[in-house]
Amino acid sequence: MSTETNKAIARQFGEEVFNQGNTGAIDQLTASNFIEHNDLPPGLPSGREGVKAMLTMLHGAFPDFHATIDDIVAEGDRVVVRATWDGTQKGEFLGIPASGKHFTIPVIDIMRIGDSKVMEHWSVIDRLGMIEQLGTVPVPGLG
C-alpha cells in the first residue's frame, strides 16, 4: 500500500471514529486482531471493544469533542498524526464531574496499517494538561 493510502486511512479513522463518534467504523477500519497499545481505564476491555467504550465515554462527557489533524507523516506501514483535541466537559469523565470547562491538548498517534486496516495503535496524550484545564488538578504557580 502507498503511504498516501495509509494517510487516507488514518484521516478517515480520525474523522469517522473520533470526530463523528462512529463506533461501528472501528470494526470497519481496524483488523480483527487489532492491538491497542495504550492504557485504557480500568474495567475496559482490550482491543476494538476497549476503544469503542473509551470513545463512547469521551463523546458522552464532551459532546463537542473534536480532533484536528495538524500534521500527518507516513513511512512504510506507519502513519504518525500530530493532532489537537478539544472539547467542553458537559458530563462525567473518568470520575471527574462535569465542569463546563473547555480543554485543548496535543496528541500524537502512531498507527501501523496493513491490508487497508489499522493493525496497531499507540498514542501520547497530554492527560495531565487535560485534567488541569478541567480544574481537577491545580496548576503549580497559578494558585
C-alpha atoms as a PDB file:
ATOM      1  CA  MET A   1       0.000   0.000   0.000  1.00  0.00           C
ATOM      2  CA  SER A   2       1.169   3.510  -0.698  1.00  0.00           C
ATOM      3  CA  THR A   3       1.918   5.990   2.058  1.00  0.00           C
ATOM      4  CA  GLU A   4      -0.822   8.230   0.639  1.00  0.00           C
ATOM      5  CA  THR A   5      -3.348   5.393   1.015  1.00  0.00           C
ATOM      6  CA  ASN A   6      -2.192   4.803   4.592  1.00  0.00           C
ATOM      7  CA  LYS A   7      -2.536   8.524   5.370  1.00  0.00           C
ATOM      8  CA  ALA A   8      -6.060   8.476   3.923  1.00  0.00           C
ATOM      9  CA  ILE A   9      -6.983   5.569   6.228  1.00  0.00           C
ATOM     10  CA  ALA A  10      -5.606   7.481   9.243  1.00  0.00           C
ATOM     11  CA  ARG A  11      -7.576  10.594   8.231  1.00  0.00           C
ATOM     12  CA  GLN A  12     -10.739   8.519   7.809  1.00  0.00           C
ATOM     13  CA  PHE A  13     -10.189   6.969  11.252  1.00  0.00           C
ATOM     14  CA  GLY A  14      -9.804  10.425  12.806  1.00  0.00           C
ATOM     15  CA  GLU A  15     -12.892  11.824  11.126  1.00  0.00           C
ATOM     16  CA  GLU A  16     -15.301   8.900  11.452  1.00  0.00           C
ATOM     17  CA  VAL A  17     -14.188   7.493  14.781  1.00  0.00           C
ATOM     18  CA  PHE A  18     -13.019  10.487  16.801  1.00  0.00           C
ATOM     19  CA  ASN A  19     -14.962  13.392  15.317  1.00  0.00           C
ATOM     20  CA  GLN A  20     -18.201  11.624  14.430  1.00  0.00           C
ATOM     21  CA  GLY A  21     -18.072   9.167  17.342  1.00  0.00           C
ATOM     22  CA  ASN A  22     -18.921   6.308  14.982  1.00  0.00           C
ATOM     23  CA  THR A  23     -18.049   3.168  16.954  1.00  0.00           C
ATOM     24  CA  GLY A  24     -19.122   0.982  14.006  1.00  0.00           C
ATOM     25  CA  ALA A  25     -16.314   2.496  11.956  1.00  0.00           C
ATOM     26  CA  ILE A  26     -13.836   0.932  14.381  1.00  0.00           C
ATOM     27  CA  ASP A  27     -14.804  -2.536  13.130  1.00  0.00           C
ATOM     28  CA  GLN A  28     -14.584  -1.373   9.509  1.00  0.00           C
ATOM     29  CA  LEU A  29     -11.221   0.386   9.828  1.00  0.00           C
ATOM     30  CA  THR A  30      -9.321  -1.944  12.171  1.00  0.00           C
ATOM     31  CA  ALA A  31      -8.124  -5.509  11.738  1.00  0.00           C
ATOM     32  CA  SER A  32      -9.933  -8.240  13.653  1.00  0.00           C
ATOM     33  CA  ASN A  33      -6.722  -8.783  15.660  1.00  0.00           C
ATOM     34  CA  PHE A  34      -6.212  -5.033  16.231  1.00  0.00           C
ATOM     35  CA  ILE A  35      -3.897  -4.170  19.136  1.00  0.00           C
ATOM     36  CA  GLU A  36      -4.418  -1.008  21.200  1.00  0.00           C
ATOM     37  CA  HIS A  37      -1.120  -0.297  22.975  1.00  0.00           C
ATOM     38  CA  ASN A  38      -2.437   2.500  25.195  1.00  0.00           C
ATOM     39  CA  ASP A  39      -3.505   2.026  28.772  1.00  0.00           C
ATOM     40  CA  LEU A  40      -7.273   2.131  28.798  1.00  0.00           C
ATOM     41  CA  PRO A  41      -9.118   2.987  32.026  1.00  0.00           C
ATOM     42  CA  PRO A  42      -9.610   0.121  34.478  1.00  0.00           C
ATOM     43  CA  GLY A  43     -12.553  -2.097  33.649  1.00  0.00           C
ATOM     44  CA  LEU A  44     -12.460  -1.511  29.907  1.00  0.00           C
ATOM     45  CA  PRO A  45     -11.759  -4.460  27.617  1.00  0.00           C
ATOM     46  CA  SER A  46      -8.750  -4.513  25.313  1.00  0.00           C
ATOM     47  CA  GLY A  47      -8.653  -4.146  21.541  1.00  0.00           C
ATOM     48  CA  ARG A  48     -11.551  -2.831  19.498  1.00  0.00           C
ATOM     49  CA  GLU A  49     -14.109  -3.107  22.291  1.00  0.00           C
ATOM     50  CA  GLY A  50     -11.989  -1.046  24.661  1.00  0.00           C
ATOM     51  CA  VAL A  51     -11.563   1.681  22.056  1.00  0.00           C
ATOM     52  CA  LYS A  52     -15.327   1.698  21.465  1.00  0.00           C
ATOM     53  CA  ALA A  53     -16.021   2.006  25.194  1.00  0.00           C
ATOM     54  CA  MET A  54     -13.470   4.805  25.580  1.00  0.00           C
ATOM     55  CA  LEU A  55     -14.873   6.661  22.581  1.00  0.00           C
ATOM     56  CA  THR A  56     -18.409   6.386  23.993  1.00  0.00           C
ATOM     57  CA  MET A  57     -17.199   7.781  27.333  1.00  0.00           C
ATOM     58  CA  LEU A  58     -15.315  10.597  25.586  1.00  0.00           C
ATOM     59  CA  HIS A  59     -18.280  11.717  23.479  1.00  0.00           C
ATOM     60  CA  GLY A  60     -20.678  11.338  26.424  1.00  0.00           C
ATOM     61  CA  ALA A  61     -18.602  13.723  28.517  1.00  0.00           C
ATOM     62  CA  PHE A  62     -17.536  16.060  25.695  1.00  0.00           C
ATOM     63  CA  PRO A  63     -20.392  16.254  23.160  1.00  0.00           C
ATOM     64  CA  ASP A  64     -18.497  18.896  21.139  1.00  0.00           C
ATOM     65  CA  PHE A  65     -15.281  16.845  21.098  1.00  0.00           C
ATOM     66  CA  HIS A  66     -13.142  17.447  18.022  1.00  0.00           C
ATOM     67  CA  ALA A  67      -9.743  16.215  16.854  1.00  0.00           C
ATOM     68  CA  THR A  68      -7.922  18.426  14.373  1.00  0.00           C
ATOM     69  CA  ILE A  69      -5.085  16.896  12.381  1.00  0.00           C
ATOM     70  CA  ASP A  70      -2.161  19.319  12.472  1.00  0.00           C
ATOM     71  CA  ASP A  71       0.398  17.110  10.700  1.00  0.00           C
ATOM     72  CA  ILE A  72       0.391  13.657   9.178  1.00  0.00           C
ATOM     73  CA  VAL A  73       3.534  11.769   8.146  1.00  0.00           C
ATOM     74  CA  ALA A  74       3.809   8.263   6.720  1.00  0.00           C
ATOM     75  CA  GLU A  75       6.651   5.912   6.005  1.00  0.00           C
ATOM     76  CA  GLY A  76       6.212   2.265   5.102  1.00  0.00           C
ATOM     77  CA  ASP A  77       3.332   0.820   7.100  1.00  0.00           C
ATOM     78  CA  ARG A  78       3.425   3.542   9.814  1.00  0.00           C
ATOM     79  CA  VAL A  79       1.427   6.750   9.962  1.00  0.00           C
ATOM     80  CA  VAL A  80       2.104   9.429  12.573  1.00  0.00           C
ATOM     81  CA  VAL A  81      -0.561  12.024  13.265  1.00  0.00           C
ATOM     82  CA  ARG A  82       0.027  15.157  15.332  1.00  0.00           C
ATOM     83  CA  ALA A  83      -3.367  16.415  16.379  1.00  0.00           C
ATOM     84  CA  THR A  84      -5.107  18.834  18.696  1.00  0.00           C
ATOM     85  CA  TRP A  85      -8.053  17.600  20.737  1.00  0.00           C
ATOM     86  CA  ASP A  86     -10.571  19.953  22.246  1.00  0.00           C
ATOM     87  CA  GLY A  87     -13.983  19.833  23.853  1.00  0.00           C
ATOM     88  CA  THR A  88     -16.188  21.158  26.624  1.00  0.00           C
ATOM     89  CA  GLN A  89     -16.964  18.875  29.551  1.00  0.00           C
ATOM     90  CA  LYS A  90     -20.746  18.515  29.859  1.00  0.00           C
ATOM     91  CA  GLY A  91     -20.787  15.098  31.549  1.00  0.00           C
ATOM     92  CA  GLU A  92     -18.778  12.959  33.954  1.00  0.00           C
ATOM     93  CA  PHE A  93     -15.488  11.653  32.601  1.00  0.00           C
ATOM     94  CA  LEU A  94     -13.420   9.026  34.408  1.00  0.00           C
ATOM     95  CA  GLY A  95     -14.922  10.069  37.733  1.00  0.00           C
ATOM     96  CA  ILE A  96     -14.447  13.786  37.065  1.00  0.00           C
ATOM     97  CA  PRO A  97     -17.798  15.566  37.429  1.00  0.00           C
ATOM     98  CA  ALA A  98     -18.979  17.821  34.604  1.00  0.00           C
ATOM     99  CA  SER A  99     -17.132  21.114  34.903  1.00  0.00           C
ATOM    100  CA  GLY A 100     -18.415  23.034  31.895  1.00  0.00           C
ATOM    101  CA  LYS A 101     -14.777  23.835  31.151  1.00  0.00           C
ATOM    102  CA  HIS A 102     -13.099  23.629  27.775  1.00  0.00           C
ATOM    103  CA  PHE A 103      -9.827  21.810  27.138  1.00  0.00           C
ATOM    104  CA  THR A 104      -7.323  21.852  24.273  1.00  0.00           C
ATOM    105  CA  ILE A 105      -4.429  19.364  24.270  1.00  0.00           C
ATOM    106  CA  PRO A 106      -1.804  18.000  21.890  1.00  0.00           C
ATOM    107  CA  VAL A 107      -1.938  14.325  20.879  1.00  0.00           C
ATOM    108  CA  ILE A 108       0.450  12.141  18.873  1.00  0.00           C
ATOM    109  CA  ASP A 109      -0.962   8.960  17.292  1.00  0.00           C
ATOM    110  CA  ILE A 110       1.010   6.233  15.558  1.00  0.00           C
ATOM    111  CA  MET A 111      -0.777   3.600  13.506  1.00  0.00           C
ATOM    112  CA  ARG A 112       0.557   0.506  11.790  1.00  0.00           C
ATOM    113  CA  ILE A 113      -1.541  -0.188   8.728  1.00  0.00           C
ATOM    114  CA  GLY A 114      -1.749  -3.419   6.739  1.00  0.00           C
ATOM    115  CA  ASP A 115      -4.277  -4.745   4.229  1.00  0.00           C
ATOM    116  CA  SER A 116      -6.118  -1.393   4.351  1.00  0.00           C
ATOM    117  CA  LYS A 117      -6.774  -1.770   8.094  1.00  0.00           C
ATOM    118  CA  VAL A 118      -5.301  -0.264  11.245  1.00  0.00           C
ATOM    119  CA  MET A 119      -3.409  -3.173  12.832  1.00  0.00           C
ATOM    120  CA  GLU A 120      -1.875  -1.429  15.857  1.00  0.00           C
ATOM    121  CA  HIS A 121      -2.217   1.940  17.585  1.00  0.00           C
ATOM    122  CA  TRP A 122      -0.057   3.887  20.022  1.00  0.00           C
ATOM    123  CA  SER A 123      -0.608   7.424  21.282  1.00  0.00           C
ATOM    124  CA  VAL A 124       0.817  10.088  23.538  1.00  0.00           C
ATOM    125  CA  ILE A 125      -1.935  12.201  25.075  1.00  0.00           C
ATOM    126  CA  ASP A 126      -1.426  15.169  27.401  1.00  0.00           C
ATOM    127  CA  ARG A 127      -3.793  13.759  30.027  1.00  0.00           C
ATOM    128  CA  LEU A 128      -2.351  15.933  32.793  1.00  0.00           C
ATOM    129  CA  GLY A 129      -2.906  19.060  30.708  1.00  0.00           C
ATOM    130  CA  MET A 130      -6.465  17.943  30.096  1.00  0.00           C
ATOM    131  CA  ILE A 131      -7.356  17.422  33.744  1.00  0.00           C
ATOM    132  CA  GLU A 132      -5.579  20.664  34.722  1.00  0.00           C
ATOM    133  CA  GLN A 133      -7.750  22.549  32.227  1.00  0.00           C
ATOM    134  CA  LEU A 134     -10.868  20.814  33.570  1.00  0.00           C
ATOM    135  CA  GLY A 135      -9.939  22.134  37.026  1.00  0.00           C
ATOM    136  CA  THR A 136      -9.308  18.753  38.641  1.00  0.00           C
ATOM    137  CA  VAL A 137      -5.597  19.261  39.282  1.00  0.00           C
ATOM    138  CA  PRO A 138      -4.246  22.669  40.282  1.00  0.00           C
ATOM    139  CA  VAL A 139      -1.604  24.150  38.038  1.00  0.00           C
ATOM    140  CA  PRO A 140       1.511  24.912  40.128  1.00  0.00           C
ATOM    141  CA  GLY A 141       2.170  28.617  40.423  1.00  0.00           C
ATOM    142  CA  LEU A 142      -1.338  29.602  39.336  1.00  0.00           C
ATOM    143  CA  GLY A 143      -2.949  29.447  42.751  1.00  0.00           C
END
